Amino acid sequence: MAIVSDQIGDFITRIRNAGQAGHKTVEAPRSNIKVEIARLLKDQGYIEDYQDLKDDVQGKVLVTLKYFNRKPVIKEIKRVSKPGRRIYVSSDKLQRVRNGLGISILSTSSGVVTVKEASKLNVGGEIICTVW
């Protein structure tokens, strides 16, 4: 088993690849931030559901993907801030994704939120990924 240096990037890649391959579910090692990302994706309608499976070791996040006309709802999911190059944005510089058709997920002092929620809370943070 390979050691992954970017756990969030790995999670996002698993979701992207599973969607392109037409899989119904995708599984990844559990972490609090992955659970929060999955929660936001479900709230925004990009995935069908997710399960936070806890076991005696680390646990798993099981994501059930959503399809429309046999095509994945997630057209593109891209990691923005990487371990080698962190991307931060202040509350006054928050931008819409694809003219409002997509979302950006941010890690802020108020937790993991979308750009829309961050602008309501008037907080900035690290841009984790964009989805559309």
C-alpha atoms as a PDB file:
ATOM      1  CA  MET A   1       0.000   0.000   0.000  1.00  0.00           C
ATOM      2  CA  ALA A   2       1.416   3.363  -1.052  1.00  0.00           C
ATOM      3  CA  ILE A   3       1.850   6.244   1.351  1.00  0.00           C
ATOM      4  CA  VAL A   4      -0.277   9.200   0.273  1.00  0.00           C
ATOM      5  CA  SER A   5       1.080  12.649   1.113  1.00  0.00           C
ATOM      6  CA  ASP A   6      -2.112  14.540   0.192  1.00  0.00           C
ATOM      7  CA  GLN A   7      -5.068  12.752   1.804  1.00  0.00           C
ATOM      8  CA  ILE A   8      -7.659  15.271   0.584  1.00  0.00           C
ATOM      9  CA  GLY A   9      -6.262  15.201  -2.953  1.00  0.00           C
ATOM     10  CA  ASP A  10      -6.466  11.396  -2.879  1.00  0.00           C
ATOM     11  CA  PHE A  11     -10.117  11.564  -1.707  1.00  0.00           C
ATOM     12  CA  ILE A  12     -11.044  14.026  -4.478  1.00  0.00           C
ATOM     13  CA  THR A  13      -9.253  11.901  -7.094  1.00  0.00           C
ATOM     14  CA  ARG A  14     -11.084   8.772  -5.918  1.00  0.00           C
ATOM     15  CA  ILE A  15     -14.439  10.555  -6.339  1.00  0.00           C
ATOM     16  CA  ARG A  16     -13.480  11.876  -9.807  1.00  0.00           C
ATOM     17  CA  ASN A  17     -12.187   8.498 -11.032  1.00  0.00           C
ATOM     18  CA  ALA A  18     -15.156   6.536  -9.653  1.00  0.00           C
ATOM     19  CA  GLY A  19     -17.561   8.907 -11.417  1.00  0.00           C
ATOM     20  CA  GLN A  20     -15.745   8.598 -14.740  1.00  0.00           C
ATOM     21  CA  ALA A  21     -15.672   4.798 -14.397  1.00  0.00           C
ATOM     22  CA  GLY A  22     -19.403   4.681 -13.593  1.00  0.00           C
ATOM     23  CA  HIS A  23     -19.064   3.203 -10.093  1.00  0.00           C
ATOM     24  CA  LYS A  24     -21.977   3.531  -7.665  1.00  0.00           C
ATOM     25  CA  THR A  25     -19.846   3.964  -4.532  1.00  0.00           C
ATOM     26  CA  VAL A  26     -16.317   4.948  -3.588  1.00  0.00           C
ATOM     27  CA  GLU A  27     -14.485   4.298  -0.319  1.00  0.00           C
ATOM     28  CA  ALA A  28     -11.657   6.247   1.320  1.00  0.00           C
ATOM     29  CA  PRO A  29      -9.873   6.218   4.682  1.00  0.00           C
ATOM     30  CA  ARG A  30     -11.749   8.388   7.187  1.00  0.00           C
ATOM     31  CA  SER A  31     -10.739  11.826   8.435  1.00  0.00           C
ATOM     32  CA  ASN A  32     -12.883  14.624   9.856  1.00  0.00           C
ATOM     33  CA  ILE A  33     -12.232  16.920   6.891  1.00  0.00           C
ATOM     34  CA  LYS A  34     -13.200  14.204   4.363  1.00  0.00           C
ATOM     35  CA  VAL A  35     -16.472  13.665   6.247  1.00  0.00           C
ATOM     36  CA  GLU A  36     -17.123  17.433   6.112  1.00  0.00           C
ATOM     37  CA  ILE A  37     -16.339  17.578   2.370  1.00  0.00           C
ATOM     38  CA  ALA A  38     -18.728  14.651   1.773  1.00  0.00           C
ATOM     39  CA  ARG A  39     -21.410  16.397   3.883  1.00  0.00           C
ATOM     40  CA  LEU A  40     -21.110  19.577   1.784  1.00  0.00           C
ATOM     41  CA  LEU A  41     -21.200  17.607  -1.488  1.00  0.00           C
ATOM     42  CA  LYS A  42     -24.421  15.909  -0.310  1.00  0.00           C
ATOM     43  CA  ASP A  43     -25.981  19.200   0.905  1.00  0.00           C
ATOM     44  CA  GLN A  44     -25.228  20.822  -2.467  1.00  0.00           C
ATOM     45  CA  GLY A  45     -26.670  17.849  -4.410  1.00  0.00           C
ATOM     46  CA  TYR A  46     -23.444  16.594  -6.001  1.00  0.00           C
ATOM     47  CA  ILE A  47     -23.548  13.128  -4.396  1.00  0.00           C
ATOM     48  CA  GLU A  48     -26.411  10.816  -3.425  1.00  0.00           C
ATOM     49  CA  ASP A  49     -25.230  10.086   0.120  1.00  0.00           C
ATOM     50  CA  TYR A  50     -22.228   9.342   2.309  1.00  0.00           C
ATOM     51  CA  GLN A  51     -21.591   7.125   5.306  1.00  0.00           C
ATOM     52  CA  ASP A  52     -19.123   7.747   8.103  1.00  0.00           C
ATOM     53  CA  LEU A  53     -18.045   4.188   8.954  1.00  0.00           C
ATOM     54  CA  LYS A  54     -16.064   3.964  12.154  1.00  0.00           C
ATOM     55  CA  ASP A  55     -14.146   0.834  13.048  1.00  0.00           C
ATOM     56  CA  ASP A  56     -11.437   0.026  15.592  1.00  0.00           C
ATOM     57  CA  VAL A  57      -8.670   1.552  13.443  1.00  0.00           C
ATOM     58  CA  GLN A  58      -9.232   4.652  11.303  1.00  0.00           C
ATOM     59  CA  GLY A  59     -12.630   4.105   9.749  1.00  0.00           C
ATOM     60  CA  LYS A  60     -13.857   4.796   6.229  1.00  0.00           C
ATOM     61  CA  VAL A  61     -15.937   7.314   4.332  1.00  0.00           C
ATOM     62  CA  LEU A  62     -18.272   5.613   1.870  1.00  0.00           C
ATOM     63  CA  VAL A  63     -19.591   7.988  -0.815  1.00  0.00           C
ATOM     64  CA  THR A  64     -22.574   7.041  -3.004  1.00  0.00           C
ATOM     65  CA  LEU A  65     -22.239   8.906  -6.296  1.00  0.00           C
ATOM     66  CA  LYS A  66     -25.118  10.607  -8.086  1.00  0.00           C
ATOM     67  CA  TYR A  67     -25.858  10.228 -11.799  1.00  0.00           C
ATOM     68  CA  PHE A  68     -28.217  12.020 -14.183  1.00  0.00           C
ATOM     69  CA  ASN A  69     -28.951  10.380 -17.572  1.00  0.00           C
ATOM     70  CA  ARG A  70     -26.128   7.901 -16.840  1.00  0.00           C
ATOM     71  CA  LYS A  71     -23.590  10.717 -16.526  1.00  0.00           C
ATOM     72  CA  PRO A  72     -22.007  11.704 -13.196  1.00  0.00           C
ATOM     73  CA  VAL A  73     -23.467  14.863 -11.636  1.00  0.00           C
ATOM     74  CA  ILE A  74     -19.921  15.955 -10.741  1.00  0.00           C
ATOM     75  CA  LYS A  75     -18.527  17.112 -14.082  1.00  0.00           C
ATOM     76  CA  GLU A  76     -15.272  18.312 -12.561  1.00  0.00           C
ATOM     77  CA  ILE A  77     -13.813  18.232  -9.057  1.00  0.00           C
ATOM     78  CA  LYS A  78     -10.401  19.823  -8.694  1.00  0.00           C
ATOM     79  CA  ARG A  79      -7.993  20.241  -5.784  1.00  0.00           C
ATOM     80  CA  VAL A  80      -6.945  23.905  -5.506  1.00  0.00           C
ATOM     81  CA  SER A  81      -4.771  24.243  -2.405  1.00  0.00           C
ATOM     82  CA  LYS A  82      -2.074  21.563  -2.288  1.00  0.00           C
ATOM     83  CA  PRO A  83       0.452  20.666   0.429  1.00  0.00           C
ATOM     84  CA  GLY A  84       3.244  22.269  -1.631  1.00  0.00           C
ATOM     85  CA  ARG A  85       1.262  25.379  -2.498  1.00  0.00           C
ATOM     86  CA  ARG A  86      -1.478  26.533  -0.145  1.00  0.00           C
ATOM     87  CA  ILE A  87      -4.058  28.918  -1.615  1.00  0.00           C
ATOM     88  CA  TYR A  88      -5.787  31.257   0.838  1.00  0.00           C
ATOM     89  CA  VAL A  89      -8.463  33.823   0.080  1.00  0.00           C
ATOM     90  CA  SER A  90      -9.760  36.680   2.231  1.00  0.00           C
ATOM     91  CA  SER A  91     -13.491  37.236   2.753  1.00  0.00           C
ATOM     92  CA  ASP A  92     -13.577  40.199   0.336  1.00  0.00           C
ATOM     93  CA  LYS A  93     -11.899  38.222  -2.491  1.00  0.00           C
ATOM     94  CA  LEU A  94     -14.265  35.205  -2.579  1.00  0.00           C
ATOM     95  CA  GLN A  95     -15.236  34.289  -6.157  1.00  0.00           C
ATOM     96  CA  ARG A  96     -18.033  32.245  -7.711  1.00  0.00           C
ATOM     97  CA  VAL A  97     -17.239  29.046  -9.610  1.00  0.00           C
ATOM     98  CA  ARG A  98     -18.517  28.723 -13.187  1.00  0.00           C
ATOM     99  CA  ASN A  99     -20.698  31.830 -12.795  1.00  0.00           C
ATOM    100  CA  GLY A 100     -22.513  30.337  -9.809  1.00  0.00           C
ATOM    101  CA  LEU A 101     -23.039  26.875 -11.343  1.00  0.00           C
ATOM    102  CA  GLY A 102     -20.318  25.296  -9.183  1.00  0.00           C
ATOM    103  CA  ILE A 103     -19.044  25.573  -5.619  1.00  0.00           C
ATOM    104  CA  SER A 104     -15.733  26.117  -3.882  1.00  0.00           C
ATOM    105  CA  ILE A 105     -15.135  24.364  -0.580  1.00  0.00           C
ATOM    106  CA  LEU A 106     -13.104  26.329   1.964  1.00  0.00           C
ATOM    107  CA  SER A 107     -11.486  25.417   5.247  1.00  0.00           C
ATOM    108  CA  THR A 108     -12.155  28.387   7.531  1.00  0.00           C
ATOM    109  CA  SER A 109     -12.000  29.236  11.220  1.00  0.00           C
ATOM    110  CA  SER A 110     -15.757  28.501  11.224  1.00  0.00           C
ATOM    111  CA  GLY A 111     -15.243  24.999   9.799  1.00  0.00           C
ATOM    112  CA  VAL A 112     -15.449  23.555   6.289  1.00  0.00           C
ATOM    113  CA  VAL A 113     -17.939  25.664   4.286  1.00  0.00           C
ATOM    114  CA  THR A 114     -18.864  26.689   0.737  1.00  0.00           C
ATOM    115  CA  VAL A 115     -17.927  30.119  -0.639  1.00  0.00           C
ATOM    116  CA  LYS A 116     -21.560  31.236  -0.239  1.00  0.00           C
ATOM    117  CA  GLU A 117     -21.571  30.351   3.475  1.00  0.00           C
ATOM    118  CA  ALA A 118     -18.117  31.927   3.940  1.00  0.00           C
ATOM    119  CA  SER A 119     -19.304  35.242   2.480  1.00  0.00           C
ATOM    120  CA  LYS A 120     -22.378  35.173   4.781  1.00  0.00           C
ATOM    121  CA  LEU A 121     -20.097  34.526   7.757  1.00  0.00           C
ATOM    122  CA  ASN A 122     -17.619  37.121   6.400  1.00  0.00           C
ATOM    123  CA  VAL A 123     -14.645  34.759   6.748  1.00  0.00           C
ATOM    124  CA  GLY A 124     -11.865  33.730   4.399  1.00  0.00           C
ATOM    125  CA  GLY A 125      -9.761  30.588   4.434  1.00  0.00           C
ATOM    126  CA  GLU A 126      -7.943  27.923   2.471  1.00  0.00           C
ATOM    127  CA  ILE A 127      -9.621  26.856  -0.789  1.00  0.00           C
ATOM    128  CA  ILE A 128      -9.748  23.047  -0.620  1.00  0.00           C
ATOM    129  CA  CYS A 129     -11.401  22.334  -3.985  1.00  0.00           C
ATOM    130  CA  THR A 130     -13.845  23.467  -6.643  1.00  0.00           C
ATOM    131  CA  VAL A 131     -16.761  21.367  -7.904  1.00  0.00           C
ATOM    132  CA  TRP A 132     -19.136  21.818 -10.840  1.00  0.00           C
END
